[in-house]
Amino acid sequence: MLSENKQSILLVDGMALLFRAYFANSYGGFIRKTKAGMPTNAVYGFIRYFMDAVGAFNPTHVVCCWDMGSTTFRTEKFDGYKANRPSAPEDLIPQFDLVKEVVDAFGVPNVGIHGYEADDCIGTLAGQYSEHAHVHILTGDHDMLQLVNDNVHVIIMKKGQGNYAVYTPEFLLEDKGLTARQVIDMKGLMGDTSDNYPGVKGIGEKTALKLIQEYATIEGMLENLHLLPKGVRGKIEAELDMLHLSRDLATIRCDVPVECDFNGCTWAVDTERVHSKFEELEFGSLMKLIG
């Protein structure tokens, strides 16, 4: 239940915002830099996205979560996990630390744990915070839809600044035809090309959706394998191990050892501190965002 004072927290998927900002602000090959040559285009765009979301959803508290390297428990389970992803652009790399300095200047905690992804930190904190506040998760990653419930809503950033799809349980069912739990089972069946795990070879999104909607869960489907068309049944039987592994890889962990005191992430900007950071980065045009 929400508390009477209607506190709300915005959990920010930092990498999702940063990468989106980098590519949106490097179009045509121009990379924004300081006079000293420090690339800042991704950080600049990140701030614009970040402040737009804060203005749109008006949280009382904010936390920003980050991936902490490419090695996680998922890569230990499946060495192909995300192995298809290219290295980060060279001029983005120095901005990984720089953006965290900016987030810190806003008084917002930076959270991440080695061995886990930002998704796992967000899932765990969402569960903790939702006991006494409403939770909004800001991301571009549809995997986060598995976290949706009555008190945790997922904000998917769409093309164009300020364009959001806010997923509640009702909207998730209307838009995707799925419950939050079924989002995971869908991934188990069809895999994820972005994260580079295959699911069941030969089972695409359309077939996976039909199976999950008809049988509700992977377990329900497996109990009724004899009812499936022979071709579909054969594909599933040949890939049972990968089906279960893919579903496990898709599952956001909500019990990781992460802590961030709710009272320590109140949204209360020290404008002088932020102004000082903006001046250092030559972000004069962004000063108006914080007054």
C-alpha atoms as a PDB file:
ATOM      1  CA  MET A   1       0.000   0.000   0.000  1.00  0.00           C
ATOM      2  CA  LEU A   2       1.116   3.550  -0.631  1.00  0.00           C
ATOM      3  CA  SER A   3       1.907   5.687   2.367  1.00  0.00           C
ATOM      4  CA  GLU A   4      -0.436   8.572   3.112  1.00  0.00           C
ATOM      5  CA  ASN A   5       2.131  11.179   2.092  1.00  0.00           C
ATOM      6  CA  LYS A   6       2.334   9.532  -1.341  1.00  0.00           C
ATOM      7  CA  GLN A   7       6.096   9.294  -1.495  1.00  0.00           C
ATOM      8  CA  SER A   8       7.406   8.098  -4.826  1.00  0.00           C
ATOM      9  CA  ILE A   9      10.803   6.994  -6.027  1.00  0.00           C
ATOM     10  CA  LEU A  10      12.292   7.052  -9.500  1.00  0.00           C
ATOM     11  CA  LEU A  11      14.729   4.196 -10.146  1.00  0.00           C
ATOM     12  CA  VAL A  12      16.867   5.152 -13.129  1.00  0.00           C
ATOM     13  CA  ASP A  13      18.504   2.574 -15.412  1.00  0.00           C
ATOM     14  CA  GLY A  14      21.688   4.589 -15.830  1.00  0.00           C
ATOM     15  CA  MET A  15      23.266   2.682 -18.717  1.00  0.00           C
ATOM     16  CA  ALA A  16      20.034   2.695 -20.694  1.00  0.00           C
ATOM     17  CA  LEU A  17      19.864   6.484 -20.465  1.00  0.00           C
ATOM     18  CA  LEU A  18      23.560   7.004 -21.109  1.00  0.00           C
ATOM     19  CA  PHE A  19      23.747   4.851 -24.248  1.00  0.00           C
ATOM     20  CA  ARG A  20      20.535   6.353 -25.609  1.00  0.00           C
ATOM     21  CA  ALA A  21      21.937   9.822 -24.973  1.00  0.00           C
ATOM     22  CA  TYR A  22      25.279   9.006 -26.581  1.00  0.00           C
ATOM     23  CA  PHE A  23      23.798   7.818 -29.865  1.00  0.00           C
ATOM     24  CA  ALA A  24      21.185  10.579 -29.941  1.00  0.00           C
ATOM     25  CA  ASN A  25      23.926  13.176 -29.474  1.00  0.00           C
ATOM     26  CA  SER A  26      26.560  11.760 -31.835  1.00  0.00           C
ATOM     27  CA  TYR A  27      24.378  11.816 -34.916  1.00  0.00           C
ATOM     28  CA  GLY A  28      26.341  12.974 -37.937  1.00  0.00           C
ATOM     29  CA  GLY A  29      29.659  12.302 -36.231  1.00  0.00           C
ATOM     30  CA  PHE A  30      29.765  15.408 -33.999  1.00  0.00           C
ATOM     31  CA  ILE A  31      30.912  14.667 -30.447  1.00  0.00           C
ATOM     32  CA  ARG A  32      30.435  17.420 -27.879  1.00  0.00           C
ATOM     33  CA  LYS A  33      33.651  18.075 -25.926  1.00  0.00           C
ATOM     34  CA  THR A  34      34.978  20.526 -23.382  1.00  0.00           C
ATOM     35  CA  LYS A  35      37.710  22.966 -24.356  1.00  0.00           C
ATOM     36  CA  ALA A  36      40.161  20.556 -22.736  1.00  0.00           C
ATOM     37  CA  GLY A  37      38.989  17.777 -25.071  1.00  0.00           C
ATOM     38  CA  MET A  38      36.859  15.727 -22.667  1.00  0.00           C
ATOM     39  CA  PRO A  39      33.913  14.153 -24.546  1.00  0.00           C
ATOM     40  CA  THR A  40      30.637  15.044 -22.852  1.00  0.00           C
ATOM     41  CA  ASN A  41      27.892  14.394 -25.396  1.00  0.00           C
ATOM     42  CA  ALA A  42      26.459  11.357 -23.579  1.00  0.00           C
ATOM     43  CA  VAL A  43      26.495  13.097 -20.196  1.00  0.00           C
ATOM     44  CA  TYR A  44      24.841  16.175 -21.707  1.00  0.00           C
ATOM     45  CA  GLY A  45      22.046  14.074 -23.219  1.00  0.00           C
ATOM     46  CA  PHE A  46      21.729  12.002 -20.052  1.00  0.00           C
ATOM     47  CA  ILE A  47      21.018  15.139 -18.018  1.00  0.00           C
ATOM     48  CA  ARG A  48      18.322  16.254 -20.448  1.00  0.00           C
ATOM     49  CA  TYR A  49      16.590  12.847 -20.336  1.00  0.00           C
ATOM     50  CA  PHE A  50      17.016  12.626 -16.576  1.00  0.00           C
ATOM     51  CA  MET A  51      15.617  16.070 -15.809  1.00  0.00           C
ATOM     52  CA  ASP A  52      12.731  15.607 -18.225  1.00  0.00           C
ATOM     53  CA  ALA A  53      11.690  12.430 -16.394  1.00  0.00           C
ATOM     54  CA  VAL A  54      12.028  14.066 -12.979  1.00  0.00           C
ATOM     55  CA  GLY A  55       9.803  16.894 -14.197  1.00  0.00           C
ATOM     56  CA  ALA A  56       7.274  14.526 -15.730  1.00  0.00           C
ATOM     57  CA  PHE A  57       6.936  12.109 -12.802  1.00  0.00           C
ATOM     58  CA  ASN A  58       7.795  14.411  -9.876  1.00  0.00           C
ATOM     59  CA  PRO A  59       9.435  11.847  -7.562  1.00  0.00           C
ATOM     60  CA  THR A  60      10.187  12.584  -3.935  1.00  0.00           C
ATOM     61  CA  HIS A  61      13.224  10.259  -4.102  1.00  0.00           C
ATOM     62  CA  VAL A  62      15.644   9.218  -6.872  1.00  0.00           C
ATOM     63  CA  VAL A  63      18.276   6.460  -7.251  1.00  0.00           C
ATOM     64  CA  CYS A  64      20.431   5.666 -10.287  1.00  0.00           C
ATOM     65  CA  CYS A  65      21.554   2.067 -10.896  1.00  0.00           C
ATOM     66  CA  TRP A  66      24.496   0.936 -13.026  1.00  0.00           C
ATOM     67  CA  ASP A  67      26.055  -2.170 -14.502  1.00  0.00           C
ATOM     68  CA  MET A  68      29.461  -2.854 -12.962  1.00  0.00           C
ATOM     69  CA  GLY A  69      31.395  -4.544 -15.750  1.00  0.00           C
ATOM     70  CA  SER A  70      30.533  -7.248 -18.248  1.00  0.00           C
ATOM     71  CA  THR A  71      31.142 -10.278 -15.994  1.00  0.00           C
ATOM     72  CA  THR A  72      28.086 -11.357 -14.000  1.00  0.00           C
ATOM     73  CA  PHE A  73      26.525 -14.539 -12.692  1.00  0.00           C
ATOM     74  CA  ARG A  74      24.730 -14.767 -16.062  1.00  0.00           C
ATOM     75  CA  THR A  75      27.992 -14.912 -18.040  1.00  0.00           C
ATOM     76  CA  GLU A  76      29.120 -17.673 -15.686  1.00  0.00           C
ATOM     77  CA  LYS A  77      25.979 -19.682 -16.482  1.00  0.00           C
ATOM     78  CA  PHE A  78      26.131 -19.047 -20.233  1.00  0.00           C
ATOM     79  CA  ASP A  79      29.341 -17.775 -21.782  1.00  0.00           C
ATOM     80  CA  GLY A  80      27.487 -16.506 -24.847  1.00  0.00           C
ATOM     81  CA  TYR A  81      25.440 -14.073 -22.762  1.00  0.00           C
ATOM     82  CA  LYS A  82      25.742 -10.602 -24.370  1.00  0.00           C
ATOM     83  CA  ALA A  83      28.841 -11.862 -26.198  1.00  0.00           C
ATOM     84  CA  ASN A  84      27.529 -10.362 -29.440  1.00  0.00           C
ATOM     85  CA  ARG A  85      27.673  -6.788 -28.172  1.00  0.00           C
ATOM     86  CA  PRO A  86      30.339  -4.493 -29.630  1.00  0.00           C
ATOM     87  CA  SER A  87      32.753  -2.629 -27.396  1.00  0.00           C
ATOM     88  CA  ALA A  88      31.625   0.791 -26.216  1.00  0.00           C
ATOM     89  CA  PRO A  89      32.667   3.670 -28.480  1.00  0.00           C
ATOM     90  CA  GLU A  90      36.041   5.067 -27.431  1.00  0.00           C
ATOM     91  CA  ASP A  91      34.700   8.532 -26.660  1.00  0.00           C
ATOM     92  CA  LEU A  92      31.923   7.101 -24.480  1.00  0.00           C
ATOM     93  CA  ILE A  93      34.251   5.226 -22.123  1.00  0.00           C
ATOM     94  CA  PRO A  94      35.512   8.265 -20.141  1.00  0.00           C
ATOM     95  CA  GLN A  95      31.917   9.384 -19.721  1.00  0.00           C
ATOM     96  CA  PHE A  96      31.032   6.307 -17.618  1.00  0.00           C
ATOM     97  CA  ASP A  97      32.731   7.795 -14.553  1.00  0.00           C
ATOM     98  CA  LEU A  98      31.887  11.360 -15.482  1.00  0.00           C
ATOM     99  CA  VAL A  99      28.148  10.760 -15.546  1.00  0.00           C
ATOM    100  CA  LYS A 100      28.295   9.249 -12.064  1.00  0.00           C
ATOM    101  CA  GLU A 101      30.021  12.417 -10.845  1.00  0.00           C
ATOM    102  CA  VAL A 102      27.139  14.433 -12.266  1.00  0.00           C
ATOM    103  CA  VAL A 103      24.530  12.141 -10.697  1.00  0.00           C
ATOM    104  CA  ASP A 104      26.348  12.508  -7.379  1.00  0.00           C
ATOM    105  CA  ALA A 105      26.324  16.293  -7.772  1.00  0.00           C
ATOM    106  CA  PHE A 106      22.538  16.097  -7.892  1.00  0.00           C
ATOM    107  CA  GLY A 107      22.642  14.289  -4.549  1.00  0.00           C
ATOM    108  CA  VAL A 108      21.398  11.075  -6.150  1.00  0.00           C
ATOM    109  CA  PRO A 109      22.970   7.774  -5.019  1.00  0.00           C
ATOM    110  CA  ASN A 110      24.810   5.702  -7.648  1.00  0.00           C
ATOM    111  CA  VAL A 111      24.125   2.009  -7.018  1.00  0.00           C
ATOM    112  CA  GLY A 112      25.726  -1.069  -8.556  1.00  0.00           C
ATOM    113  CA  ILE A 113      27.092  -4.456  -7.487  1.00  0.00           C
ATOM    114  CA  HIS A 114      29.844  -6.432  -9.188  1.00  0.00           C
ATOM    115  CA  GLY A 115      28.530  -9.746 -10.442  1.00  0.00           C
ATOM    116  CA  TYR A 116      25.016  -8.426 -11.041  1.00  0.00           C
ATOM    117  CA  GLU A 117      23.366  -6.162 -13.582  1.00  0.00           C
ATOM    118  CA  ALA A 118      21.636  -2.856 -12.954  1.00  0.00           C
ATOM    119  CA  ASP A 119      18.347  -4.709 -13.623  1.00  0.00           C
ATOM    120  CA  ASP A 120      18.931  -6.883 -10.554  1.00  0.00           C
ATOM    121  CA  CYS A 121      19.676  -3.872  -8.353  1.00  0.00           C
ATOM    122  CA  ILE A 122      16.550  -2.144  -9.659  1.00  0.00           C
ATOM    123  CA  GLY A 123      14.409  -5.235  -9.112  1.00  0.00           C
ATOM    124  CA  THR A 124      15.656  -5.668  -5.555  1.00  0.00           C
ATOM    125  CA  LEU A 125      15.299  -1.994  -4.606  1.00  0.00           C
ATOM    126  CA  ALA A 126      11.870  -1.813  -6.226  1.00  0.00           C
ATOM    127  CA  GLY A 127      10.723  -4.619  -3.963  1.00  0.00           C
ATOM    128  CA  GLN A 128      12.155  -2.920  -0.893  1.00  0.00           C
ATOM    129  CA  TYR A 129      10.851   0.562  -1.628  1.00  0.00           C
ATOM    130  CA  SER A 130       7.396  -0.479  -2.834  1.00  0.00           C
ATOM    131  CA  GLU A 131       6.469  -1.357   0.732  1.00  0.00           C
ATOM    132  CA  HIS A 132       6.273   2.328   1.615  1.00  0.00           C
ATOM    133  CA  ALA A 133       6.355   4.319  -1.640  1.00  0.00           C
ATOM    134  CA  HIS A 134       5.243   4.175  -5.225  1.00  0.00           C
ATOM    135  CA  VAL A 135       8.028   3.080  -7.577  1.00  0.00           C
ATOM    136  CA  HIS A 136       8.668   4.245 -11.129  1.00  0.00           C
ATOM    137  CA  ILE A 137      11.445   2.537 -13.114  1.00  0.00           C
ATOM    138  CA  LEU A 138      12.898   4.634 -15.954  1.00  0.00           C
ATOM    139  CA  THR A 139      14.450   2.542 -18.721  1.00  0.00           C
ATOM    140  CA  GLY A 140      14.376   1.602 -22.375  1.00  0.00           C
ATOM    141  CA  ASP A 141      14.664  -2.109 -21.587  1.00  0.00           C
ATOM    142  CA  HIS A 142      11.471  -4.123 -22.038  1.00  0.00           C
ATOM    143  CA  ASP A 143      12.910  -6.894 -19.823  1.00  0.00           C
ATOM    144  CA  MET A 144      11.974  -4.624 -16.902  1.00  0.00           C
ATOM    145  CA  LEU A 145       8.288  -5.216 -17.645  1.00  0.00           C
ATOM    146  CA  GLN A 146       8.527  -8.373 -15.538  1.00  0.00           C
ATOM    147  CA  LEU A 147       8.755  -6.082 -12.492  1.00  0.00           C
ATOM    148  CA  VAL A 148       5.395  -4.392 -13.084  1.00  0.00           C
ATOM    149  CA  ASN A 149       2.802  -4.627 -10.329  1.00  0.00           C
ATOM    150  CA  ASP A 150       0.225  -2.358  -8.718  1.00  0.00           C
ATOM    151  CA  ASN A 151       2.914  -0.378  -6.923  1.00  0.00           C
ATOM    152  CA  VAL A 152       5.794  -0.647  -9.415  1.00  0.00           C
ATOM    153  CA  HIS A 153       5.294   0.952 -12.818  1.00  0.00           C
ATOM    154  CA  VAL A 154       7.849   0.761 -15.614  1.00  0.00           C
ATOM    155  CA  ILE A 155       8.449   3.843 -17.766  1.00  0.00           C
ATOM    156  CA  ILE A 156       9.719   2.843 -21.202  1.00  0.00           C
ATOM    157  CA  MET A 157      11.475   5.696 -22.989  1.00  0.00           C
ATOM    158  CA  LYS A 158      10.251   5.939 -26.559  1.00  0.00           C
ATOM    159  CA  LYS A 159      11.721   7.834 -29.486  1.00  0.00           C
ATOM    160  CA  GLY A 160      11.935  11.535 -28.767  1.00  0.00           C
ATOM    161  CA  GLN A 161      12.579  13.249 -25.454  1.00  0.00           C
ATOM    162  CA  GLY A 162       9.566  13.310 -23.153  1.00  0.00           C
ATOM    163  CA  ASN A 163       7.829  10.431 -24.934  1.00  0.00           C
ATOM    164  CA  TYR A 164       7.058   7.643 -22.474  1.00  0.00           C
ATOM    165  CA  ALA A 165       4.967   4.493 -22.234  1.00  0.00           C
ATOM    166  CA  VAL A 166       4.039   3.870 -18.595  1.00  0.00           C
ATOM    167  CA  TYR A 167       3.332   0.217 -17.921  1.00  0.00           C
ATOM    168  CA  THR A 168       0.887  -0.691 -15.188  1.00  0.00           C
ATOM    169  CA  PRO A 169      -0.442  -4.268 -14.906  1.00  0.00           C
ATOM    170  CA  GLU A 170      -3.509  -3.181 -16.878  1.00  0.00           C
ATOM    171  CA  PHE A 171      -1.545  -1.501 -19.666  1.00  0.00           C
ATOM    172  CA  LEU A 172       0.919  -4.397 -19.874  1.00  0.00           C
ATOM    173  CA  LEU A 173      -1.974  -6.799 -20.453  1.00  0.00           C
ATOM    174  CA  GLU A 174      -3.581  -4.438 -22.960  1.00  0.00           C
ATOM    175  CA  ASP A 175      -0.402  -3.661 -24.905  1.00  0.00           C
ATOM    176  CA  LYS A 176       1.503  -6.961 -24.757  1.00  0.00           C
ATOM    177  CA  GLY A 177      -1.224  -9.458 -23.898  1.00  0.00           C
ATOM    178  CA  LEU A 178       0.884 -10.631 -20.962  1.00  0.00           C
ATOM    179  CA  THR A 179       1.207 -10.485 -17.197  1.00  0.00           C
ATOM    180  CA  ALA A 180       4.537  -9.498 -15.669  1.00  0.00           C
ATOM    181  CA  ARG A 181       5.418 -13.110 -14.884  1.00  0.00           C
ATOM    182  CA  GLN A 182       4.635 -14.151 -18.455  1.00  0.00           C
ATOM    183  CA  VAL A 183       7.194 -11.664 -19.790  1.00  0.00           C
ATOM    184  CA  ILE A 184       9.882 -13.998 -18.407  1.00  0.00           C
ATOM    185  CA  ASP A 185       8.320 -17.119 -19.910  1.00  0.00           C
ATOM    186  CA  MET A 186       8.118 -15.392 -23.293  1.00  0.00           C
ATOM    187  CA  LYS A 187      11.867 -14.716 -23.143  1.00  0.00           C
ATOM    188  CA  GLY A 188      12.509 -18.331 -22.199  1.00  0.00           C
ATOM    189  CA  LEU A 189      10.717 -19.508 -25.313  1.00  0.00           C
ATOM    190  CA  MET A 190      11.811 -16.977 -27.927  1.00  0.00           C
ATOM    191  CA  GLY A 191      15.186 -15.978 -26.470  1.00  0.00           C
ATOM    192  CA  ASP A 192      16.678 -12.506 -26.786  1.00  0.00           C
ATOM    193  CA  THR A 193      18.926 -11.513 -29.683  1.00  0.00           C
ATOM    194  CA  SER A 194      20.133  -8.415 -27.823  1.00  0.00           C
ATOM    195  CA  ASP A 195      21.317 -10.446 -24.821  1.00  0.00           C
ATOM    196  CA  ASN A 196      22.369 -13.318 -27.112  1.00  0.00           C
ATOM    197  CA  TYR A 197      20.572 -16.305 -25.627  1.00  0.00           C
ATOM    198  CA  PRO A 198      18.550 -18.437 -28.011  1.00  0.00           C
ATOM    199  CA  GLY A 199      15.483 -19.753 -26.200  1.00  0.00           C
ATOM    200  CA  VAL A 200      13.948 -22.547 -28.269  1.00  0.00           C
ATOM    201  CA  LYS A 201      15.324 -22.509 -31.803  1.00  0.00           C
ATOM    202  CA  GLY A 202      12.540 -22.063 -34.313  1.00  0.00           C
ATOM    203  CA  ILE A 203      10.098 -20.509 -31.810  1.00  0.00           C
ATOM    204  CA  GLY A 204       9.558 -16.835 -32.593  1.00  0.00           C
ATOM    205  CA  GLU A 205       7.576 -14.116 -30.864  1.00  0.00           C
ATOM    206  CA  LYS A 206       4.236 -14.967 -32.487  1.00  0.00           C
ATOM    207  CA  THR A 207       4.359 -18.667 -31.546  1.00  0.00           C
ATOM    208  CA  ALA A 208       5.719 -17.942 -28.061  1.00  0.00           C
ATOM    209  CA  LEU A 209       2.914 -15.470 -27.364  1.00  0.00           C
ATOM    210  CA  LYS A 210       0.282 -17.935 -28.547  1.00  0.00           C
ATOM    211  CA  LEU A 211       1.686 -20.700 -26.329  1.00  0.00           C
ATOM    212  CA  ILE A 212       1.950 -18.503 -23.229  1.00  0.00           C
ATOM    213  CA  GLN A 213      -1.521 -17.048 -23.691  1.00  0.00           C
ATOM    214  CA  GLU A 214      -3.003 -20.512 -24.161  1.00  0.00           C
ATOM    215  CA  TYR A 215      -1.160 -22.346 -21.372  1.00  0.00           C
ATOM    216  CA  ALA A 216      -0.347 -19.396 -19.036  1.00  0.00           C
ATOM    217  CA  THR A 217       3.117 -20.656 -18.069  1.00  0.00           C
ATOM    218  CA  ILE A 218       5.976 -22.744 -19.415  1.00  0.00           C
ATOM    219  CA  GLU A 219       5.021 -25.405 -16.871  1.00  0.00           C
ATOM    220  CA  GLY A 220       1.449 -25.400 -18.168  1.00  0.00           C
ATOM    221  CA  MET A 221       2.739 -25.738 -21.713  1.00  0.00           C
ATOM    222  CA  LEU A 222       5.070 -28.622 -20.832  1.00  0.00           C
ATOM    223  CA  GLU A 223       2.234 -30.468 -19.094  1.00  0.00           C
ATOM    224  CA  ASN A 224       0.309 -30.273 -22.355  1.00  0.00           C
ATOM    225  CA  LEU A 225       3.093 -30.996 -24.834  1.00  0.00           C
ATOM    226  CA  HIS A 226       1.062 -33.845 -26.292  1.00  0.00           C
ATOM    227  CA  LEU A 227      -1.538 -31.324 -27.440  1.00  0.00           C
ATOM    228  CA  LEU A 228       0.902 -29.173 -29.410  1.00  0.00           C
ATOM    229  CA  PRO A 229       1.467 -29.475 -33.159  1.00  0.00           C
ATOM    230  CA  LYS A 230       4.146 -32.070 -33.862  1.00  0.00           C
ATOM    231  CA  GLY A 231       6.635 -29.537 -35.266  1.00  0.00           C
ATOM    232  CA  VAL A 232       6.355 -27.192 -32.276  1.00  0.00           C
ATOM    233  CA  ARG A 233       6.513 -30.080 -29.804  1.00  0.00           C
ATOM    234  CA  GLY A 234       9.658 -31.425 -31.460  1.00  0.00           C
ATOM    235  CA  LYS A 235      11.417 -28.058 -31.244  1.00  0.00           C
ATOM    236  CA  ILE A 236      10.606 -27.704 -27.555  1.00  0.00           C
ATOM    237  CA  GLU A 237      11.602 -31.283 -26.680  1.00  0.00           C
ATOM    238  CA  ALA A 238      14.933 -30.801 -28.461  1.00  0.00           C
ATOM    239  CA  GLU A 239      15.696 -27.613 -26.520  1.00  0.00           C
ATOM    240  CA  LEU A 240      14.342 -28.237 -23.027  1.00  0.00           C
ATOM    241  CA  ASP A 241      17.632 -27.461 -21.298  1.00  0.00           C
ATOM    242  CA  MET A 242      18.081 -24.217 -23.224  1.00  0.00           C
ATOM    243  CA  LEU A 243      14.455 -23.291 -22.588  1.00  0.00           C
ATOM    244  CA  HIS A 244      14.996 -23.458 -18.824  1.00  0.00           C
ATOM    245  CA  LEU A 245      18.404 -21.776 -19.038  1.00  0.00           C
ATOM    246  CA  SER A 246      17.039 -18.945 -21.185  1.00  0.00           C
ATOM    247  CA  ARG A 247      14.205 -18.345 -18.750  1.00  0.00           C
ATOM    248  CA  ASP A 248      16.695 -18.269 -15.893  1.00  0.00           C
ATOM    249  CA  LEU A 249      18.901 -15.768 -17.743  1.00  0.00           C
ATOM    250  CA  ALA A 250      15.858 -13.587 -18.428  1.00  0.00           C
ATOM    251  CA  THR A 251      14.781 -13.508 -14.792  1.00  0.00           C
ATOM    252  CA  ILE A 252      15.673 -10.326 -12.941  1.00  0.00           C
ATOM    253  CA  ARG A 253      16.942 -11.186  -9.471  1.00  0.00           C
ATOM    254  CA  CYS A 254      15.076  -9.350  -6.734  1.00  0.00           C
ATOM    255  CA  ASP A 255      17.132 -10.622  -3.794  1.00  0.00           C
ATOM    256  CA  VAL A 256      20.630  -9.315  -4.492  1.00  0.00           C
ATOM    257  CA  PRO A 257      22.751  -7.889  -1.646  1.00  0.00           C
ATOM    258  CA  VAL A 258      22.080  -4.238  -2.400  1.00  0.00           C
ATOM    259  CA  GLU A 259      21.146  -1.577   0.122  1.00  0.00           C
ATOM    260  CA  CYS A 260      20.302   2.069  -0.347  1.00  0.00           C
ATOM    261  CA  ASP A 261      18.616   3.874   2.535  1.00  0.00           C
ATOM    262  CA  PHE A 262      15.344   5.375   1.336  1.00  0.00           C
ATOM    263  CA  ASN A 263      15.859   8.509   3.392  1.00  0.00           C
ATOM    264  CA  GLY A 264      19.270   8.992   1.794  1.00  0.00           C
ATOM    265  CA  CYS A 265      17.868   9.402  -1.706  1.00  0.00           C
ATOM    266  CA  THR A 266      15.479  12.295  -1.217  1.00  0.00           C
ATOM    267  CA  TRP A 267      15.277  14.526  -4.274  1.00  0.00           C
ATOM    268  CA  ALA A 268      16.632  17.808  -2.895  1.00  0.00           C
ATOM    269  CA  VAL A 269      19.023  19.443  -5.326  1.00  0.00           C
ATOM    270  CA  ASP A 270      21.852  21.664  -4.096  1.00  0.00           C
ATOM    271  CA  THR A 271      21.745  24.054  -7.039  1.00  0.00           C
ATOM    272  CA  GLU A 272      25.131  25.586  -6.283  1.00  0.00           C
ATOM    273  CA  ARG A 273      26.778  22.181  -6.381  1.00  0.00           C
ATOM    274  CA  VAL A 274      25.110  21.298  -9.676  1.00  0.00           C
ATOM    275  CA  HIS A 275      25.918  24.710 -11.168  1.00  0.00           C
ATOM    276  CA  SER A 276      29.561  24.186 -10.271  1.00  0.00           C
ATOM    277  CA  LYS A 277      29.599  20.814 -12.047  1.00  0.00           C
ATOM    278  CA  PHE A 278      27.842  22.247 -15.082  1.00  0.00           C
ATOM    279  CA  GLU A 279      30.384  25.052 -15.288  1.00  0.00           C
ATOM    280  CA  GLU A 280      33.216  22.532 -15.145  1.00  0.00           C
ATOM    281  CA  LEU A 281      31.656  20.603 -18.039  1.00  0.00           C
ATOM    282  CA  GLU A 282      30.728  23.773 -19.965  1.00  0.00           C
ATOM    283  CA  PHE A 283      27.020  22.987 -19.833  1.00  0.00           C
ATOM    284  CA  GLY A 284      25.853  26.577 -19.656  1.00  0.00           C
ATOM    285  CA  SER A 285      22.751  25.851 -21.725  1.00  0.00           C
ATOM    286  CA  LEU A 286      21.551  23.331 -19.111  1.00  0.00           C
ATOM    287  CA  MET A 287      21.635  25.753 -16.170  1.00  0.00           C
ATOM    288  CA  LYS A 288      17.988  26.651 -16.769  1.00  0.00           C
ATOM    289  CA  LEU A 289      16.970  23.064 -16.012  1.00  0.00           C
ATOM    290  CA  ILE A 290      17.766  23.490 -12.320  1.00  0.00           C
ATOM    291  CA  GLY A 291      16.965  27.175 -11.830  1.00  0.00           C
END
